PDB file of N, CA and C in Angstrom:
ATOM      1  N   MET A   1       6.074  -4.657   1.989  1.00  0.00           N
ATOM      2  CA  MET A   1       7.906  -3.671   1.874  1.00  0.00           C
ATOM      3  C   MET A   1       8.040  -2.884   0.409  1.00  0.00           C
ATOM      4  N   VAL A   2       7.607  -1.714   0.972  1.00  0.00           N
ATOM      5  CA  VAL A   2       8.071  -1.275   0.299  1.00  0.00           C
ATOM      6  C   VAL A   2       9.528  -0.190   0.266  1.00  0.00           C
ATOM      7  N   ILE A   3      10.271  -0.773  -1.129  1.00  0.00           N
ATOM      8  CA  ILE A   3      11.916  -0.398  -0.364  1.00  0.00           C
ATOM      9  C   ILE A   3      12.012   1.188  -1.406  1.00  0.00           C
ATOM     10  N   LYS A   4      12.471   2.032  -1.002  1.00  0.00           N
ATOM     11  CA  LYS A   4      13.109   3.901  -1.643  1.00  0.00           C
ATOM     12  C   LYS A   4      14.446   3.749  -1.323  1.00  0.00           C
ATOM     13  N   GLU A   5      14.877   3.612  -2.801  1.00  0.00           N
ATOM     14  CA  GLU A   5      16.757   4.044  -3.243  1.00  0.00           C
ATOM     15  C   GLU A   5      16.749   5.359  -3.531  1.00  0.00           C
ATOM     16  N   LYS A   6      17.820   5.519  -2.536  1.00  0.00           N
ATOM     17  CA  LYS A   6      17.880   7.656  -2.744  1.00  0.00           C
ATOM     18  C   LYS A   6      19.438   7.272  -2.415  1.00  0.00           C
ATOM     19  N   MET A   7      20.600   7.619  -4.009  1.00  0.00           N
ATOM     20  CA  MET A   7      22.015   7.730  -3.928  1.00  0.00           C
ATOM     21  C   MET A   7      22.101   9.122  -2.995  1.00  0.00           C
ATOM     22  N   GLU A   8      22.930   9.092  -2.230  1.00  0.00           N
ATOM     23  CA  GLU A   8      24.042   9.946  -1.789  1.00  0.00           C
ATOM     24  C   GLU A   8      25.320  10.309  -1.785  1.00  0.00           C
ATOM     25  N   ASN A   9      25.528  10.423  -2.664  1.00  0.00           N
ATOM     26  CA  ASN A   9      27.359  10.651  -3.039  1.00  0.00           C
ATOM     27  C   ASN A   9      27.585   9.407  -3.509  1.00  0.00           C
ATOM     28  N   ASP A  10      28.266   8.837  -2.939  1.00  0.00           N
ATOM     29  CA  ASP A  10      28.572   7.243  -2.951  1.00  0.00           C
ATOM     30  C   ASP A  10      27.812   6.501  -2.006  1.00  0.00           C
ATOM     31  N   ILE A  11      26.644   6.359  -1.233  1.00  0.00           N
ATOM     32  CA  ILE A  11      26.419   6.110  -0.487  1.00  0.00           C
ATOM     33  C   ILE A  11      24.605   5.516  -0.796  1.00  0.00           C
ATOM     34  N   ALA A  12      24.337   4.414  -0.545  1.00  0.00           N
ATOM     35  CA  ALA A  12      22.928   3.663  -1.327  1.00  0.00           C
ATOM     36  C   ALA A  12      21.923   4.045   0.258  1.00  0.00           C
ATOM     37  N   VAL A  13      21.071   4.770   0.587  1.00  0.00           N
ATOM     38  CA  VAL A  13      20.242   5.092   1.314  1.00  0.00           C
ATOM     39  C   VAL A  13      18.563   3.901   0.847  1.00  0.00           C
ATOM     40  N   LEU A  14      18.334   2.637   1.420  1.00  0.00           N
ATOM     41  CA  LEU A  14      17.392   1.980   1.169  1.00  0.00           C
ATOM     42  C   LEU A  14      16.499   2.295   2.377  1.00  0.00           C
ATOM     43  N   ASN A  15      14.827   3.042   2.121  1.00  0.00           N
ATOM     44  CA  ASN A  15      14.099   3.528   2.907  1.00  0.00           C
ATOM     45  C   ASN A  15      12.692   2.526   3.196  1.00  0.00           C
ATOM     46  N   LEU A  16      12.918   1.796   4.472  1.00  0.00           N
ATOM     47  CA  LEU A  16      12.181   0.200   3.939  1.00  0.00           C
ATOM     48  C   LEU A  16      10.575   1.114   4.505  1.00  0.00           C
ATOM     49  N   LYS A  17       9.732   0.216   4.087  1.00  0.00           N
ATOM     50  CA  LYS A  17       8.261   1.015   4.800  1.00  0.00           C
ATOM     51  C   LYS A  17       7.190  -0.540   4.825  1.00  0.00           C
ATOM     52  N   GLY A  18       6.910  -0.655   5.774  1.00  0.00           N
ATOM     53  CA  GLY A  18       6.079  -2.262   5.689  1.00  0.00           C
ATOM     54  C   GLY A  18       6.922  -2.467   7.089  1.00  0.00           C
ATOM     55  N   ASP A  19       6.353  -4.791   7.378  1.00  0.00           N
ATOM     56  CA  ASP A  19       7.150  -5.060   8.389  1.00  0.00           C
ATOM     57  C   ASP A  19       7.825  -6.135   7.149  1.00  0.00           C
ATOM     58  N   LEU A  20       9.494  -6.402   8.235  1.00  0.00           N
ATOM     59  CA  LEU A  20       9.889  -7.392   7.126  1.00  0.00           C
ATOM     60  C   LEU A  20       9.910  -9.113   8.324  1.00  0.00           C
ATOM     61  N   LEU A  21       9.140  -9.679   8.044  1.00  0.00           N
ATOM     62  CA  LEU A  21       8.722 -10.989   8.083  1.00  0.00           C
ATOM     63  C   LEU A  21       8.367 -11.423   7.545  1.00  0.00           C
ATOM     64  N   GLY A  22       8.846 -11.658   6.164  1.00  0.00           N
ATOM     65  CA  GLY A  22       9.687 -13.306   5.812  1.00  0.00           C
ATOM     66  C   GLY A  22       9.242 -12.968   4.125  1.00  0.00           C
ATOM     67  N   GLU A  23       8.718 -14.144   3.385  1.00  0.00           N
ATOM     68  CA  GLU A  23       8.922 -13.940   1.784  1.00  0.00           C
ATOM     69  C   GLU A  23       7.208 -12.813   1.353  1.00  0.00           C
ATOM     70  N   PRO A  24       7.548 -12.181   0.199  1.00  0.00           N
ATOM     71  CA  PRO A  24       8.664 -11.929  -0.073  1.00  0.00           C
ATOM     72  C   PRO A  24       9.441 -10.653  -0.250  1.00  0.00           C
ATOM     73  N   ASP A  25       8.735  -9.891   1.433  1.00  0.00           N
ATOM     74  CA  ASP A  25       9.825  -8.960   1.457  1.00  0.00           C
ATOM     75  C   ASP A  25      11.059  -9.318   2.047  1.00  0.00           C
ATOM     76  N   THR A  26      11.166 -10.553   2.324  1.00  0.00           N
ATOM     77  CA  THR A  26      12.495 -10.760   3.009  1.00  0.00           C
ATOM     78  C   THR A  26      13.814 -10.871   1.321  1.00  0.00           C
ATOM     79  N   THR A  27      13.070 -11.146   0.460  1.00  0.00           N
ATOM     80  CA  THR A  27      13.749 -11.525  -1.099  1.00  0.00           C
ATOM     81  C   THR A  27      13.736 -10.257  -1.776  1.00  0.00           C
ATOM     82  N   THR A  28      12.460  -9.360  -1.542  1.00  0.00           N
ATOM     83  CA  THR A  28      12.902  -8.123  -1.904  1.00  0.00           C
ATOM     84  C   THR A  28      14.624  -6.926  -1.785  1.00  0.00           C
ATOM     85  N   LEU A  29      14.858  -7.413  -0.577  1.00  0.00           N
ATOM     86  CA  LEU A  29      15.479  -6.285   0.491  1.00  0.00           C
ATOM     87  C   LEU A  29      16.988  -7.270  -0.280  1.00  0.00           C
ATOM     88  N   ARG A  30      16.872  -8.625  -0.803  1.00  0.00           N
ATOM     89  CA  ARG A  30      18.269  -8.805  -0.268  1.00  0.00           C
ATOM     90  C   ARG A  30      18.613  -8.979  -2.347  1.00  0.00           C
ATOM     91  N   ASP A  31      17.485  -9.223  -2.780  1.00  0.00           N
ATOM     92  CA  ASP A  31      18.032  -8.798  -4.172  1.00  0.00           C
ATOM     93  C   ASP A  31      18.107  -7.413  -4.277  1.00  0.00           C
ATOM     94  N   LYS A  32      17.803  -6.742  -3.747  1.00  0.00           N
ATOM     95  CA  LYS A  32      18.396  -4.883  -3.493  1.00  0.00           C
ATOM     96  C   LYS A  32      19.678  -5.006  -3.052  1.00  0.00           C
ATOM     97  N   ILE A  33      19.870  -5.292  -1.823  1.00  0.00           N
ATOM     98  CA  ILE A  33      21.340  -5.283  -1.695  1.00  0.00           C
ATOM     99  C   ILE A  33      22.661  -6.686  -3.136  1.00  0.00           C
ATOM    100  N   HIS A  34      21.907  -7.165  -3.280  1.00  0.00           N
ATOM    101  CA  HIS A  34      22.224  -7.662  -4.230  1.00  0.00           C
ATOM    102  C   HIS A  34      22.670  -7.068  -5.448  1.00  0.00           C
ATOM    103  N   SER A  35      21.556  -6.410  -5.926  1.00  0.00           N
ATOM    104  CA  SER A  35      22.013  -5.693  -7.451  1.00  0.00           C
ATOM    105  C   SER A  35      23.276  -4.169  -7.016  1.00  0.00           C
ATOM    106  N   LEU A  36      22.781  -3.756  -5.546  1.00  0.00           N
ATOM    107  CA  LEU A  36      23.904  -2.818  -5.482  1.00  0.00           C
ATOM    108  C   LEU A  36      25.537  -2.843  -5.415  1.00  0.00           C
ATOM    109  N   VAL A  37      25.777  -3.860  -4.731  1.00  0.00           N
ATOM    110  CA  VAL A  37      26.840  -4.726  -4.829  1.00  0.00           C
ATOM    111  C   VAL A  37      26.913  -4.873  -6.132  1.00  0.00           C
ATOM    112  N   GLY A  38      26.434  -5.635  -7.299  1.00  0.00           N
ATOM    113  CA  GLY A  38      26.348  -5.545  -8.295  1.00  0.00           C
ATOM    114  C   GLY A  38      27.027  -4.648  -9.316  1.00  0.00           C
ATOM    115  N   ASP A  39      26.492  -3.434  -9.139  1.00  0.00           N
ATOM    116  CA  ASP A  39      26.733  -1.872  -9.511  1.00  0.00           C
ATOM    117  C   ASP A  39      28.224  -1.472  -8.666  1.00  0.00           C
ATOM    118  N   GLU A  40      28.998  -2.616  -7.924  1.00  0.00           N
ATOM    119  CA  GLU A  40      29.955  -2.069  -7.474  1.00  0.00           C
ATOM    120  C   GLU A  40      29.648  -0.702  -6.139  1.00  0.00           C
ATOM    121  N   VAL A  41      28.500  -0.974  -5.119  1.00  0.00           N
ATOM    122  CA  VAL A  41      28.319   0.356  -4.508  1.00  0.00           C
ATOM    123  C   VAL A  41      28.981  -0.127  -2.743  1.00  0.00           C
ATOM    124  N   LYS A  42      29.641   0.341  -2.416  1.00  0.00           N
ATOM    125  CA  LYS A  42      30.327  -0.642  -0.711  1.00  0.00           C
ATOM    126  C   LYS A  42      29.598   0.035   0.154  1.00  0.00           C
ATOM    127  N   LYS A  43      28.722   1.366   0.108  1.00  0.00           N
ATOM    128  CA  LYS A  43      28.417   1.860   1.241  1.00  0.00           C
ATOM    129  C   LYS A  43      26.961   2.207   1.015  1.00  0.00           C
ATOM    130  N   VAL A  44      25.966   1.235   1.838  1.00  0.00           N
ATOM    131  CA  VAL A  44      24.915   1.383   2.344  1.00  0.00           C
ATOM    132  C   VAL A  44      24.505   1.663   3.559  1.00  0.00           C
ATOM    133  N   VAL A  45      22.891   2.007   3.568  1.00  0.00           N
ATOM    134  CA  VAL A  45      22.652   2.447   4.866  1.00  0.00           C
ATOM    135  C   VAL A  45      20.663   2.157   4.826  1.00  0.00           C
ATOM    136  N   ILE A  46      20.378   1.189   6.020  1.00  0.00           N
ATOM    137  CA  ILE A  46      19.248   0.499   5.392  1.00  0.00           C
ATOM    138  C   ILE A  46      18.768   2.001   6.725  1.00  0.00           C
ATOM    139  N   ASP A  47      17.593   2.416   6.266  1.00  0.00           N
ATOM    140  CA  ASP A  47      16.186   3.427   7.118  1.00  0.00           C
ATOM    141  C   ASP A  47      15.111   2.482   7.396  1.00  0.00           C
ATOM    142  N   LEU A  48      15.073   1.967   8.879  1.00  0.00           N
ATOM    143  CA  LEU A  48      14.234   1.246   9.408  1.00  0.00           C
ATOM    144  C   LEU A  48      12.812   2.025   9.951  1.00  0.00           C
ATOM    145  N   GLY A  49      13.040   3.425   9.663  1.00  0.00           N
ATOM    146  CA  GLY A  49      11.961   4.222  10.354  1.00  0.00           C
ATOM    147  C   GLY A  49      10.742   3.325  10.096  1.00  0.00           C
ATOM    148  N   GLY A  50      10.405   2.857   8.121  1.00  0.00           N
ATOM    149  CA  GLY A  50       9.023   2.833   8.558  1.00  0.00           C
ATOM    150  C   GLY A  50       8.773   1.473   8.749  1.00  0.00           C
ATOM    151  N   VAL A  51       9.632   0.600   9.486  1.00  0.00           N
ATOM    152  CA  VAL A  51       9.688  -0.682   9.878  1.00  0.00           C
ATOM    153  C   VAL A  51       8.908  -0.926  11.260  1.00  0.00           C
ATOM    154  N   ASN A  52       8.191  -1.870  11.507  1.00  0.00           N
ATOM    155  CA  ASN A  52       7.501  -1.537  12.758  1.00  0.00           C
ATOM    156  C   ASN A  52       7.598  -2.790  13.295  1.00  0.00           C
ATOM    157  N   TYR A  53       7.344  -4.252  13.189  1.00  0.00           N
ATOM    158  CA  TYR A  53       7.248  -5.121  13.227  1.00  0.00           C
ATOM    159  C   TYR A  53       8.626  -6.155  12.170  1.00  0.00           C
ATOM    160  N   MET A  54       9.751  -6.624  13.317  1.00  0.00           N
ATOM    161  CA  MET A  54      10.098  -8.061  12.517  1.00  0.00           C
ATOM    162  C   MET A  54      10.867  -9.509  13.189  1.00  0.00           C
ATOM    163  N   ASN A  55      10.590 -10.007  12.543  1.00  0.00           N
ATOM    164  CA  ASN A  55      10.411 -11.186  12.723  1.00  0.00           C
ATOM    165  C   ASN A  55      12.076 -12.197  12.689  1.00  0.00           C
ATOM    166  N   SER A  56      12.249 -13.246  13.426  1.00  0.00           N
ATOM    167  CA  SER A  56      13.511 -14.767  12.772  1.00  0.00           C
ATOM    168  C   SER A  56      13.727 -13.971  11.365  1.00  0.00           C
ATOM    169  N   SER A  57      12.822 -14.180  10.316  1.00  0.00           N
ATOM    170  CA  SER A  57      13.057 -13.695   9.138  1.00  0.00           C
ATOM    171  C   SER A  57      13.507 -12.746   8.710  1.00  0.00           C
ATOM    172  N   GLY A  58      13.490 -11.893   9.184  1.00  0.00           N
ATOM    173  CA  GLY A  58      14.219 -10.377   9.252  1.00  0.00           C
ATOM    174  C   GLY A  58      14.888 -10.072   9.679  1.00  0.00           C
ATOM    175  N   LEU A  59      15.422 -10.303  10.723  1.00  0.00           N
ATOM    176  CA  LEU A  59      16.732 -10.494  11.055  1.00  0.00           C
ATOM    177  C   LEU A  59      17.858 -10.711  10.438  1.00  0.00           C
ATOM    178  N   GLY A  60      17.417 -12.590  10.192  1.00  0.00           N
ATOM    179  CA  GLY A  60      18.236 -13.276   9.701  1.00  0.00           C
ATOM    180  C   GLY A  60      18.654 -12.464   7.982  1.00  0.00           C
ATOM    181  N   THR A  61      17.340 -11.910   7.640  1.00  0.00           N
ATOM    182  CA  THR A  61      17.703 -10.951   6.409  1.00  0.00           C
ATOM    183  C   THR A  61      19.035 -10.045   6.509  1.00  0.00           C
ATOM    184  N   LEU A  62      18.513  -9.370   7.128  1.00  0.00           N
ATOM    185  CA  LEU A  62      19.426  -8.539   7.755  1.00  0.00           C
ATOM    186  C   LEU A  62      21.295  -8.811   8.261  1.00  0.00           C
ATOM    187  N   ILE A  63      20.986 -10.333   9.028  1.00  0.00           N
ATOM    188  CA  ILE A  63      22.583 -10.725   9.047  1.00  0.00           C
ATOM    189  C   ILE A  63      22.980 -10.934   7.669  1.00  0.00           C
ATOM    190  N   SER A  64      22.075 -11.594   6.329  1.00  0.00           N
ATOM    191  CA  SER A  64      22.130 -11.620   5.141  1.00  0.00           C
ATOM    192  C   SER A  64      22.936 -11.437   4.513  1.00  0.00           C
ATOM    193  N   THR A  65      22.156  -9.324   4.942  1.00  0.00           N
ATOM    194  CA  THR A  65      22.077  -9.033   3.832  1.00  0.00           C
ATOM    195  C   THR A  65      24.012  -7.643   4.269  1.00  0.00           C
ATOM    196  N   LEU A  66      23.769  -7.772   5.735  1.00  0.00           N
ATOM    197  CA  LEU A  66      25.655  -7.631   6.445  1.00  0.00           C
ATOM    198  C   LEU A  66      26.516  -8.183   5.845  1.00  0.00           C
ATOM    199  N   THR A  67      26.431  -9.215   5.741  1.00  0.00           N
ATOM    200  CA  THR A  67      27.112 -10.581   4.876  1.00  0.00           C
ATOM    201  C   THR A  67      27.962 -10.407   3.905  1.00  0.00           C
ATOM    202  N   THR A  68      26.113 -10.056   2.984  1.00  0.00           N
ATOM    203  CA  THR A  68      26.952  -9.915   1.528  1.00  0.00           C
ATOM    204  C   THR A  68      27.906  -8.998   1.279  1.00  0.00           C
ATOM    205  N   MET A  69      27.387  -7.654   2.147  1.00  0.00           N
ATOM    206  CA  MET A  69      27.920  -6.098   1.703  1.00  0.00           C
ATOM    207  C   MET A  69      29.691  -6.587   2.695  1.00  0.00           C
ATOM    208  N   ARG A  70      29.731  -7.524   3.361  1.00  0.00           N
ATOM    209  CA  ARG A  70      31.481  -7.021   4.078  1.00  0.00           C
ATOM    210  C   ARG A  70      32.088  -7.881   2.930  1.00  0.00           C
ATOM    211  N   ASN A  71      31.512  -9.313   2.546  1.00  0.00           N
ATOM    212  CA  ASN A  71      32.175 -10.320   1.714  1.00  0.00           C
ATOM    213  C   ASN A  71      32.717  -8.803   0.750  1.00  0.00           C
ATOM    214  N   ALA A  72      31.551  -8.507  -0.061  1.00  0.00           N
ATOM    215  CA  ALA A  72      32.024  -7.462  -1.577  1.00  0.00           C
ATOM    216  C   ALA A  72      33.194  -5.969  -0.476  1.00  0.00           C
ATOM    217  N   GLU A  73      33.552  -6.709   0.548  1.00  0.00           N
ATOM    218  CA  GLU A  73      33.900  -5.039   1.145  1.00  0.00           C
ATOM    219  C   GLU A  73      33.617  -3.901   0.966  1.00  0.00           C
ATOM    220  N   GLY A  74      32.347  -4.135   1.782  1.00  0.00           N
ATOM    221  CA  GLY A  74      31.747  -3.224   1.579  1.00  0.00           C
ATOM    222  C   GLY A  74      30.612  -2.605   3.115  1.00  0.00           C
ATOM    223  N   GLU A  75      30.108  -1.335   3.574  1.00  0.00           N
ATOM    224  CA  GLU A  75      30.308  -1.572   4.961  1.00  0.00           C
ATOM    225  C   GLU A  75      28.113  -1.326   4.548  1.00  0.00           C
ATOM    226  N   LEU A  76      27.427  -1.533   6.535  1.00  0.00           N
ATOM    227  CA  LEU A  76      26.392  -1.798   6.434  1.00  0.00           C
ATOM    228  C   LEU A  76      26.122  -0.717   7.746  1.00  0.00           C
ATOM    229  N   LYS A  77      25.068  -0.078   7.473  1.00  0.00           N
ATOM    230  CA  LYS A  77      24.806   0.653   8.896  1.00  0.00           C
ATOM    231  C   LYS A  77      23.455   0.613   8.787  1.00  0.00           C
ATOM    232  N   LEU A  78      22.435   1.096  10.390  1.00  0.00           N
ATOM    233  CA  LEU A  78      20.919   1.186   9.934  1.00  0.00           C
ATOM    234  C   LEU A  78      20.701   2.079  10.930  1.00  0.00           C
ATOM    235  N   ALA A  79      19.374   2.774  10.283  1.00  0.00           N
ATOM    236  CA  ALA A  79      19.501   4.566  10.805  1.00  0.00           C
ATOM    237  C   ALA A  79      17.790   4.024  11.533  1.00  0.00           C
ATOM    238  N   ARG A  80      17.579   4.887  12.572  1.00  0.00           N
ATOM    239  CA  ARG A  80      16.024   4.928  12.599  1.00  0.00           C
ATOM    240  C   ARG A  80      15.571   3.689  12.476  1.00  0.00           C
ATOM    241  N   VAL A  81      16.443   3.164  13.587  1.00  0.00           N
ATOM    242  CA  VAL A  81      15.591   1.179  14.679  1.00  0.00           C
ATOM    243  C   VAL A  81      14.212   2.133  15.430  1.00  0.00           C
ATOM    244  N   GLY A  82      13.379   1.451  15.455  1.00  0.00           N
ATOM    245  CA  GLY A  82      12.149   1.481  16.292  1.00  0.00           C
ATOM    246  C   GLY A  82      12.399   0.613  17.315  1.00  0.00           C
ATOM    247  N   LYS A  83      11.921   0.974  18.537  1.00  0.00           N
ATOM    248  CA  LYS A  83      11.597   0.562  19.811  1.00  0.00           C
ATOM    249  C   LYS A  83      11.116  -0.621  19.648  1.00  0.00           C
ATOM    250  N   LYS A  84      10.537  -1.649  19.095  1.00  0.00           N
ATOM    251  CA  LYS A  84      10.350  -2.920  18.747  1.00  0.00           C
ATOM    252  C   LYS A  84      11.351  -3.711  18.187  1.00  0.00           C
ATOM    253  N   VAL A  85      12.149  -3.215  17.609  1.00  0.00           N
ATOM    254  CA  VAL A  85      12.908  -3.834  16.623  1.00  0.00           C
ATOM    255  C   VAL A  85      14.011  -3.498  17.028  1.00  0.00           C
ATOM    256  N   GLN A  86      14.300  -2.720  18.004  1.00  0.00           N
ATOM    257  CA  GLN A  86      15.868  -2.065  19.028  1.00  0.00           C
ATOM    258  C   GLN A  86      15.987  -3.159  19.990  1.00  0.00           C
ATOM    259  N   ASN A  87      14.606  -3.700  20.594  1.00  0.00           N
ATOM    260  CA  ASN A  87      14.328  -4.541  21.361  1.00  0.00           C
ATOM    261  C   ASN A  87      14.170  -6.450  21.255  1.00  0.00           C
ATOM    262  N   LEU A  88      14.528  -6.119  19.563  1.00  0.00           N
ATOM    263  CA  LEU A  88      14.750  -7.830  19.710  1.00  0.00           C
ATOM    264  C   LEU A  88      16.352  -7.705  19.392  1.00  0.00           C
ATOM    265  N   PHE A  89      16.908  -6.562  18.181  1.00  0.00           N
ATOM    266  CA  PHE A  89      18.393  -6.497  18.423  1.00  0.00           C
ATOM    267  C   PHE A  89      19.534  -6.633  19.778  1.00  0.00           C
ATOM    268  N   ILE A  90      18.525  -6.361  21.161  1.00  0.00           N
ATOM    269  CA  ILE A  90      19.363  -6.523  22.300  1.00  0.00           C
ATOM    270  C   ILE A  90      18.875  -7.564  22.971  1.00  0.00           C
ATOM    271  N   ILE A  91      17.749  -8.177  22.673  1.00  0.00           N
ATOM    272  CA  ILE A  91      17.801  -9.579  22.950  1.00  0.00           C
ATOM    273  C   ILE A  91      18.840 -10.711  22.451  1.00  0.00           C
ATOM    274  N   THR A  92      18.993 -10.472  21.066  1.00  0.00           N
ATOM    275  CA  THR A  92      19.712 -11.718  20.377  1.00  0.00           C
ATOM    276  C   THR A  92      20.873 -11.073  19.929  1.00  0.00           C
ATOM    277  N   GLN A  93      21.239 -10.192  21.255  1.00  0.00           N
ATOM    278  CA  GLN A  93      22.402  -9.558  20.601  1.00  0.00           C
ATOM    279  C   GLN A  93      23.466  -8.664  19.416  1.00  0.00           C
ATOM    280  N   LEU A  94      22.460  -8.902  18.313  1.00  0.00           N
ATOM    281  CA  LEU A  94      22.908  -8.020  17.060  1.00  0.00           C
ATOM    282  C   LEU A  94      23.319  -7.037  17.631  1.00  0.00           C
ATOM    283  N   VAL A  95      22.782  -5.792  18.468  1.00  0.00           N
ATOM    284  CA  VAL A  95      23.430  -4.625  18.913  1.00  0.00           C
ATOM    285  C   VAL A  95      24.478  -4.216  18.880  1.00  0.00           C
ATOM    286  N   LYS A  96      25.271  -5.293  19.051  1.00  0.00           N
ATOM    287  CA  LYS A  96      26.893  -5.566  19.060  1.00  0.00           C
ATOM    288  C   LYS A  96      27.188  -5.479  17.658  1.00  0.00           C
ATOM    289  N   VAL A  97      26.113  -6.504  17.114  1.00  0.00           N
ATOM    290  CA  VAL A  97      27.087  -6.753  15.124  1.00  0.00           C
ATOM    291  C   VAL A  97      26.476  -5.563  14.680  1.00  0.00           C
ATOM    292  N   PHE A  98      25.806  -4.961  14.802  1.00  0.00           N
ATOM    293  CA  PHE A  98      25.014  -3.516  13.898  1.00  0.00           C
ATOM    294  C   PHE A  98      25.971  -2.015  14.026  1.00  0.00           C
ATOM    295  N   ASP A  99      26.139  -1.110  13.465  1.00  0.00           N
ATOM    296  CA  ASP A  99      26.177  -0.001  13.173  1.00  0.00           C
ATOM    297  C   ASP A  99      24.849   0.795  13.463  1.00  0.00           C
ATOM    298  N   THR A 100      24.202   1.432  14.782  1.00  0.00           N
ATOM    299  CA  THR A 100      23.569   1.839  14.340  1.00  0.00           C
ATOM    300  C   THR A 100      22.994   3.541  14.700  1.00  0.00           C
ATOM    301  N   TYR A 101      22.293   3.729  14.612  1.00  0.00           N
ATOM    302  CA  TYR A 101      22.541   4.996  14.552  1.00  0.00           C
ATOM    303  C   TYR A 101      20.695   5.934  14.844  1.00  0.00           C
ATOM    304  N   GLU A 102      20.255   7.141  15.434  1.00  0.00           N
ATOM    305  CA  GLU A 102      19.884   7.907  15.435  1.00  0.00           C
ATOM    306  C   GLU A 102      18.622   8.072  14.165  1.00  0.00           C
ATOM    307  N   THR A 103      19.675   8.929  13.024  1.00  0.00           N
ATOM    308  CA  THR A 103      18.371   9.778  11.990  1.00  0.00           C
ATOM    309  C   THR A 103      20.347   8.814  10.188  1.00  0.00           C
ATOM    310  N   VAL A 104      18.896   9.206   9.853  1.00  0.00           N
ATOM    311  CA  VAL A 104      19.798   8.711   8.674  1.00  0.00           C
ATOM    312  C   VAL A 104      21.286   9.498   8.007  1.00  0.00           C
ATOM    313  N   ASP A 105      21.105  10.552   8.399  1.00  0.00           N
ATOM    314  CA  ASP A 105      21.793  11.839   8.577  1.00  0.00           C
ATOM    315  C   ASP A 105      23.505  11.157   9.156  1.00  0.00           C
ATOM    316  N   ARG A 106      23.435  10.752  10.228  1.00  0.00           N
ATOM    317  CA  ARG A 106      24.038  10.605  11.329  1.00  0.00           C
ATOM    318  C   ARG A 106      24.717   9.139  10.657  1.00  0.00           C
ATOM    319  N   ALA A 107      24.389   8.239   9.849  1.00  0.00           N
ATOM    320  CA  ALA A 107      25.032   6.902   9.606  1.00  0.00           C
ATOM    321  C   ALA A 107      25.713   7.479   8.736  1.00  0.00           C
ATOM    322  N   THR A 108      25.098   8.123   7.392  1.00  0.00           N
ATOM    323  CA  THR A 108      25.831   8.643   6.013  1.00  0.00           C
ATOM    324  C   THR A 108      27.182   9.042   6.620  1.00  0.00           C
ATOM    325  N   ALA A 109      26.551  10.200   7.908  1.00  0.00           N
ATOM    326  CA  ALA A 109      28.078  11.009   7.899  1.00  0.00           C
ATOM    327  C   ALA A 109      29.204  10.081   9.220  1.00  0.00           C
ATOM    328  N   SER A 110      28.906   8.913   9.354  1.00  0.00           N
ATOM    329  CA  SER A 110      29.538   8.181  10.110  1.00  0.00           C
ATOM    330  C   SER A 110      30.387   7.511   8.738  1.00  0.00           C
ATOM    331  N   PHE A 111      30.191   7.493   7.581  1.00  0.00           N
ATOM    332  CA  PHE A 111      31.183   6.691   6.470  1.00  0.00           C
ATOM    333  C   PHE A 111      32.012   7.571   6.621  1.00  0.00           C
ATOM    334  N   SER A 112      32.119   8.875   6.598  1.00  0.00           N
ATOM    335  CA  SER A 112      33.405  10.094   5.760  1.00  0.00           C
ATOM    336  C   SER A 112      34.133  10.240   7.299  1.00  0.00           C
ATOM    337  N   ALA A 113      33.741  10.094   7.911  1.00  0.00           N
ATOM    338  CA  ALA A 113      34.154  10.014   9.732  1.00  0.00           C
ATOM    339  C   ALA A 113      35.442   9.028  10.032  1.00  0.00           C
ATOM    340  N   LYS A 114      34.904   7.995   9.501  1.00  0.00           N
ATOM    341  CA  LYS A 114      35.635   6.906   9.478  1.00  0.00           C
ATOM    342  C   LYS A 114      36.764   6.810   9.199  1.00  0.00           C
ATOM    343  N   LYS A 115      37.164   7.736   7.832  1.00  0.00           N
ATOM    344  CA  LYS A 115      38.626   7.809   6.813  1.00  0.00           C
ATOM    345  C   LYS A 115      39.254   8.411   7.503  1.00  0.00           C
ATOM    346  N   LYS A 116      39.218   9.320   8.200  1.00  0.00           N
ATOM    347  CA  LYS A 116      40.232  10.342   8.743  1.00  0.00           C
ATOM    348  C   LYS A 116      40.983   9.901  10.026  1.00  0.00           C
TER     349      LYS A 116
END
């Protein structure tokens, strides 16, 4: 799992490349989110365009990262969710829990749209 971080104004965009199937990938993502929260970043977009496969550990990690962000009074959005991962979200009903967007640009734009 490779995570590339890019800041767009006050929004952290995390581009994930690889599969989210358990250790050490899940720990890497959780550590990155905790680091961002420690830096008082309140808005995070996780770009899942480079993730082909995800199992229950990966889903649990995404739920954990969402909880961490919410506990820090932040927001987490997902972008470019692939078909296989989207099907997992539908089956597990997580499609109702996460805000998902077709593109990173739409996900980042949704933060400012909410304030109006």
